[in-house]
Amino acid sequence: MGAPGPHCADADTVMKTARCLQIAELLHEALRRELGEGIDSLRMVAEPLYARDVLLVCDALPGSELARLAQQYREAAAEVPPLRAASVATPAPVRRWLAPSRWRGDR
């Protein structure tokens, strides 16, 4: 077998991402206890802006379990390398099924 393609992650990256997911799930449970509303753990790991918003909510409760978990998440997320540009799928070009008509209705 050849080298893995750009879409494959190494074991270390997978473990670090799994750690982020584990902390996100702990945040979900803690937020449900504290505020009565949880989060989408998978979305938190996949979308940095969503993660930022969740962490800001946690930071609003200093001294709580949420603030501690938010700091742990930040530390874990800092260890996960960003996606390489080659690993992001590019959309296929749009195909035109019908050729443009030569008929113009404004004549």
N, C-alpha and C. Protein backbone atom coordinates (compact mmCIF):
# COMPACT_ATOMS: atom_id res chain seq x y z
N MET A 1 0.84 -1.19 0.00
CA MET A 1 0.00 0.00 0.00
C MET A 1 0.88 1.24 0.00
N GLY A 2 0.37 2.26 -0.66
CA GLY A 2 1.08 3.53 -0.70
C GLY A 2 0.79 4.37 0.53
N ALA A 3 1.29 5.56 0.51
CA ALA A 3 1.06 6.48 1.62
C ALA A 3 -0.41 6.88 1.64
N PRO A 4 -0.93 7.16 2.83
CA PRO A 4 -2.33 7.57 2.91
C PRO A 4 -2.55 8.88 2.17
N GLY A 5 -3.74 9.04 1.66
CA GLY A 5 -4.09 10.27 0.95
C GLY A 5 -4.22 11.44 1.90
N PRO A 6 -4.41 12.65 1.35
CA PRO A 6 -4.50 13.83 2.19
C PRO A 6 -5.73 13.84 3.08
N HIS A 7 -6.72 12.99 2.78
CA HIS A 7 -7.94 12.96 3.59
C HIS A 7 -7.77 12.10 4.85
N CYS A 8 -6.68 11.37 4.94
CA CYS A 8 -6.46 10.49 6.09
C CYS A 8 -5.72 11.25 7.18
N ALA A 9 -6.13 11.06 8.40
CA ALA A 9 -5.46 11.70 9.53
C ALA A 9 -4.58 10.67 10.22
N ASP A 10 -3.50 11.13 10.81
CA ASP A 10 -2.67 10.20 11.54
C ASP A 10 -3.30 9.89 12.90
N ALA A 11 -2.80 8.85 13.55
CA ALA A 11 -3.40 8.38 14.80
C ALA A 11 -3.35 9.44 15.89
N ASP A 12 -2.28 10.23 15.93
CA ASP A 12 -2.14 11.26 16.95
C ASP A 12 -3.23 12.33 16.80
N THR A 13 -3.49 12.74 15.56
CA THR A 13 -4.53 13.73 15.31
C THR A 13 -5.90 13.19 15.68
N VAL A 14 -6.14 11.93 15.36
CA VAL A 14 -7.43 11.31 15.70
C VAL A 14 -7.61 11.29 17.21
N MET A 15 -6.57 10.95 17.94
CA MET A 15 -6.66 10.90 19.41
C MET A 15 -6.91 12.29 19.99
N LYS A 16 -6.25 13.29 19.45
CA LYS A 16 -6.44 14.66 19.95
C LYS A 16 -7.85 15.15 19.65
N THR A 17 -8.35 14.82 18.47
CA THR A 17 -9.71 15.20 18.12
C THR A 17 -10.72 14.47 19.00
N ALA A 18 -10.45 13.20 19.29
CA ALA A 18 -11.32 12.43 20.19
C ALA A 18 -11.33 13.05 21.57
N ARG A 19 -10.20 13.58 22.01
CA ARG A 19 -10.15 14.26 23.32
C ARG A 19 -11.03 15.51 23.30
N CYS A 20 -10.99 16.26 22.22
CA CYS A 20 -11.85 17.44 22.09
C CYS A 20 -13.32 17.03 22.15
N LEU A 21 -13.66 15.95 21.47
CA LEU A 21 -15.04 15.47 21.48
C LEU A 21 -15.45 15.03 22.88
N GLN A 22 -14.57 14.37 23.59
CA GLN A 22 -14.86 13.93 24.96
C GLN A 22 -15.14 15.14 25.86
N ILE A 23 -14.32 16.17 25.74
CA ILE A 23 -14.53 17.37 26.55
C ILE A 23 -15.82 18.07 26.12
N ALA A 24 -16.11 18.11 24.82
CA ALA A 24 -17.35 18.73 24.33
C ALA A 24 -18.56 18.01 24.91
N GLU A 25 -18.49 16.69 25.02
CA GLU A 25 -19.60 15.94 25.61
C GLU A 25 -19.76 16.25 27.10
N LEU A 26 -18.64 16.44 27.79
CA LEU A 26 -18.71 16.85 29.21
C LEU A 26 -19.32 18.25 29.32
N LEU A 27 -18.95 19.13 28.40
CA LEU A 27 -19.54 20.47 28.38
C LEU A 27 -21.04 20.40 28.14
N HIS A 28 -21.45 19.53 27.23
CA HIS A 28 -22.88 19.35 26.95
C HIS A 28 -23.64 18.99 28.23
N GLU A 29 -23.14 18.01 28.94
CA GLU A 29 -23.81 17.57 30.18
C GLU A 29 -23.80 18.67 31.24
N ALA A 30 -22.67 19.35 31.39
CA ALA A 30 -22.58 20.42 32.40
C ALA A 30 -23.50 21.58 32.05
N LEU A 31 -23.59 21.92 30.77
CA LEU A 31 -24.50 23.00 30.36
C LEU A 31 -25.95 22.61 30.58
N ARG A 32 -26.27 21.36 30.34
CA ARG A 32 -27.65 20.90 30.60
C ARG A 32 -27.97 21.03 32.08
N ARG A 33 -27.02 20.68 32.94
CA ARG A 33 -27.25 20.80 34.39
C ARG A 33 -27.37 22.26 34.82
N GLU A 34 -26.46 23.10 34.31
CA GLU A 34 -26.40 24.50 34.75
C GLU A 34 -27.49 25.37 34.12
N LEU A 35 -27.70 25.21 32.81
CA LEU A 35 -28.58 26.13 32.09
C LEU A 35 -29.83 25.47 31.52
N GLY A 36 -29.90 24.15 31.62
CA GLY A 36 -31.05 23.44 31.07
C GLY A 36 -31.01 23.26 29.57
N GLU A 37 -29.90 23.57 28.96
CA GLU A 37 -29.74 23.47 27.50
C GLU A 37 -28.36 22.93 27.19
N GLY A 38 -28.30 21.91 26.33
CA GLY A 38 -27.02 21.33 25.95
C GLY A 38 -26.51 21.90 24.64
N ILE A 39 -25.48 21.27 24.11
CA ILE A 39 -24.88 21.70 22.85
C ILE A 39 -24.77 20.50 21.92
N ASP A 40 -24.39 20.76 20.69
CA ASP A 40 -24.09 19.72 19.71
C ASP A 40 -22.59 19.47 19.77
N SER A 41 -22.19 18.38 20.40
CA SER A 41 -20.77 18.09 20.62
C SER A 41 -20.00 17.93 19.32
N LEU A 42 -20.58 17.23 18.36
CA LEU A 42 -19.90 17.04 17.07
C LEU A 42 -19.72 18.36 16.35
N ARG A 43 -20.74 19.20 16.39
CA ARG A 43 -20.65 20.50 15.74
C ARG A 43 -19.57 21.35 16.40
N MET A 44 -19.45 21.24 17.71
CA MET A 44 -18.44 22.01 18.43
C MET A 44 -17.04 21.65 17.94
N VAL A 45 -16.79 20.38 17.72
CA VAL A 45 -15.47 19.94 17.26
C VAL A 45 -15.25 20.34 15.80
N ALA A 46 -16.30 20.33 15.00
CA ALA A 46 -16.17 20.58 13.57
C ALA A 46 -16.17 22.06 13.19
N GLU A 47 -16.83 22.90 14.00
CA GLU A 47 -17.00 24.30 13.63
C GLU A 47 -16.38 25.23 14.68
N PRO A 48 -15.23 25.81 14.38
CA PRO A 48 -14.55 26.67 15.36
C PRO A 48 -15.39 27.84 15.86
N LEU A 49 -16.23 28.43 15.02
CA LEU A 49 -17.04 29.56 15.47
C LEU A 49 -18.11 29.12 16.47
N TYR A 50 -18.69 27.95 16.24
CA TYR A 50 -19.65 27.40 17.20
C TYR A 50 -18.95 27.11 18.52
N ALA A 51 -17.75 26.52 18.43
CA ALA A 51 -16.98 26.22 19.64
C ALA A 51 -16.68 27.51 20.41
N ARG A 52 -16.30 28.55 19.68
CA ARG A 52 -16.01 29.83 20.33
C ARG A 52 -17.22 30.35 21.10
N ASP A 53 -18.39 30.27 20.49
CA ASP A 53 -19.61 30.74 21.16
C ASP A 53 -19.91 29.94 22.42
N VAL A 54 -19.76 28.62 22.33
CA VAL A 54 -20.01 27.77 23.50
C VAL A 54 -19.02 28.11 24.60
N LEU A 55 -17.75 28.27 24.24
CA LEU A 55 -16.73 28.57 25.24
C LEU A 55 -16.95 29.93 25.90
N LEU A 56 -17.47 30.89 25.14
CA LEU A 56 -17.77 32.20 25.73
C LEU A 56 -18.89 32.10 26.77
N VAL A 57 -19.87 31.26 26.50
CA VAL A 57 -20.94 31.04 27.48
C VAL A 57 -20.34 30.42 28.75
N CYS A 58 -19.46 29.45 28.56
CA CYS A 58 -18.82 28.80 29.72
C CYS A 58 -17.97 29.79 30.51
N ASP A 59 -17.28 30.69 29.80
CA ASP A 59 -16.44 31.69 30.46
C ASP A 59 -17.26 32.67 31.29
N ALA A 60 -18.54 32.80 30.96
CA ALA A 60 -19.41 33.73 31.70
C ALA A 60 -19.72 33.21 33.10
N LEU A 61 -19.32 31.99 33.40
CA LEU A 61 -19.55 31.40 34.72
C LEU A 61 -18.20 31.06 35.37
N PRO A 62 -17.42 32.10 35.73
CA PRO A 62 -16.09 31.85 36.28
C PRO A 62 -16.15 31.05 37.58
N GLY A 63 -15.14 30.21 37.75
CA GLY A 63 -15.08 29.39 38.96
C GLY A 63 -15.93 28.14 38.90
N SER A 64 -16.66 27.94 37.81
CA SER A 64 -17.54 26.78 37.69
C SER A 64 -16.82 25.64 36.95
N GLU A 65 -17.47 24.49 36.95
CA GLU A 65 -16.97 23.36 36.18
C GLU A 65 -16.92 23.72 34.70
N LEU A 66 -17.87 24.54 34.25
CA LEU A 66 -17.91 24.95 32.85
C LEU A 66 -16.66 25.73 32.45
N ALA A 67 -16.22 26.64 33.29
CA ALA A 67 -15.02 27.42 32.99
C ALA A 67 -13.80 26.52 32.93
N ARG A 68 -13.72 25.56 33.82
CA ARG A 68 -12.59 24.62 33.84
C ARG A 68 -12.59 23.76 32.57
N LEU A 69 -13.76 23.25 32.20
CA LEU A 69 -13.86 22.44 30.98
C LEU A 69 -13.57 23.26 29.73
N ALA A 70 -13.99 24.52 29.73
CA ALA A 70 -13.71 25.39 28.58
C ALA A 70 -12.20 25.55 28.39
N GLN A 71 -11.49 25.72 29.48
CA GLN A 71 -10.03 25.84 29.40
C GLN A 71 -9.40 24.53 28.91
N GLN A 72 -9.90 23.41 29.39
CA GLN A 72 -9.39 22.12 28.93
C GLN A 72 -9.65 21.94 27.43
N TYR A 73 -10.82 22.36 26.98
CA TYR A 73 -11.15 22.24 25.55
C TYR A 73 -10.19 23.09 24.72
N ARG A 74 -9.94 24.32 25.16
CA ARG A 74 -9.03 25.20 24.42
C ARG A 74 -7.64 24.57 24.31
N GLU A 75 -7.17 24.00 25.41
CA GLU A 75 -5.84 23.38 25.39
C GLU A 75 -5.81 22.17 24.45
N ALA A 76 -6.86 21.36 24.49
CA ALA A 76 -6.92 20.19 23.61
C ALA A 76 -7.04 20.61 22.15
N ALA A 77 -7.86 21.61 21.87
CA ALA A 77 -8.07 22.07 20.49
C ALA A 77 -6.81 22.69 19.92
N ALA A 78 -6.01 23.31 20.76
CA ALA A 78 -4.76 23.93 20.29
C ALA A 78 -3.78 22.88 19.79
N GLU A 79 -3.91 21.65 20.24
CA GLU A 79 -3.00 20.57 19.83
C GLU A 79 -3.44 19.91 18.53
N VAL A 80 -4.68 20.14 18.10
CA VAL A 80 -5.17 19.52 16.87
C VAL A 80 -4.75 20.39 15.70
N PRO A 81 -4.00 19.81 14.73
CA PRO A 81 -3.57 20.63 13.59
C PRO A 81 -4.77 21.01 12.73
N PRO A 82 -4.72 22.20 12.10
CA PRO A 82 -5.82 22.60 11.23
C PRO A 82 -5.88 21.69 10.01
N LEU A 83 -7.04 21.62 9.39
CA LEU A 83 -7.20 20.83 8.17
C LEU A 83 -6.29 21.38 7.09
N ARG A 84 -5.68 20.47 6.35
CA ARG A 84 -4.89 20.90 5.20
C ARG A 84 -5.84 21.25 4.07
N ALA A 85 -5.46 22.22 3.28
CA ALA A 85 -6.32 22.67 2.18
C ALA A 85 -6.65 21.51 1.24
N ALA A 86 -5.72 20.60 1.04
CA ALA A 86 -5.96 19.49 0.12
C ALA A 86 -6.99 18.52 0.67
N SER A 87 -7.22 18.54 1.97
CA SER A 87 -8.15 17.59 2.55
C SER A 87 -9.60 18.05 2.43
N VAL A 88 -9.80 19.29 2.08
CA VAL A 88 -11.15 19.81 1.93
C VAL A 88 -11.61 19.55 0.50
N ALA A 89 -12.72 18.89 0.38
CA ALA A 89 -13.23 18.56 -0.95
C ALA A 89 -13.67 19.82 -1.67
N THR A 90 -13.32 19.92 -2.92
CA THR A 90 -13.77 21.06 -3.72
C THR A 90 -14.98 20.61 -4.53
N PRO A 91 -15.96 21.46 -4.67
CA PRO A 91 -17.15 21.06 -5.41
C PRO A 91 -16.84 20.85 -6.89
N ALA A 92 -17.57 19.95 -7.48
CA ALA A 92 -17.41 19.69 -8.90
C ALA A 92 -17.94 20.88 -9.68
N PRO A 93 -17.39 21.12 -10.85
CA PRO A 93 -17.89 22.25 -11.64
C PRO A 93 -19.35 22.01 -12.03
N VAL A 94 -20.08 23.10 -12.14
CA VAL A 94 -21.49 23.03 -12.51
C VAL A 94 -21.57 22.72 -14.00
N ARG A 95 -22.37 21.73 -14.33
CA ARG A 95 -22.54 21.37 -15.73
C ARG A 95 -23.79 22.06 -16.27
N ARG A 96 -23.67 22.52 -17.46
CA ARG A 96 -24.84 23.09 -18.12
C ARG A 96 -25.43 22.01 -19.00
N TRP A 97 -26.62 21.62 -18.66
CA TRP A 97 -27.26 20.54 -19.41
C TRP A 97 -27.88 21.05 -20.70
N LEU A 98 -28.26 22.29 -20.71
CA LEU A 98 -28.88 22.86 -21.91
C LEU A 98 -27.98 23.98 -22.43
N ALA A 99 -27.72 23.95 -23.71
CA ALA A 99 -26.93 25.02 -24.31
C ALA A 99 -27.78 26.29 -24.34
N PRO A 100 -27.15 27.43 -24.20
CA PRO A 100 -27.92 28.68 -24.26
C PRO A 100 -28.64 28.79 -25.61
N SER A 101 -29.83 29.29 -25.57
CA SER A 101 -30.64 29.43 -26.78
C SER A 101 -30.23 30.67 -27.54
N ARG A 102 -30.33 30.59 -28.85
CA ARG A 102 -30.05 31.78 -29.68
C ARG A 102 -31.29 32.64 -29.82
N TRP A 103 -32.43 32.06 -29.41
CA TRP A 103 -33.66 32.81 -29.50
C TRP A 103 -33.72 33.82 -28.39
N ARG A 104 -34.06 35.03 -28.70
CA ARG A 104 -34.22 36.05 -27.69
C ARG A 104 -35.65 36.57 -27.78
N GLY A 105 -36.34 36.64 -26.73
CA GLY A 105 -37.72 37.05 -26.71
C GLY A 105 -37.92 38.55 -26.76
N ASP A 106 -36.85 39.36 -26.76
CA ASP A 106 -37.01 40.82 -26.73
C ASP A 106 -36.94 41.45 -28.10
N ARG A 107 -37.01 40.66 -29.17
CA ARG A 107 -36.96 41.23 -30.52
C ARG A 107 -38.28 41.72 -30.96
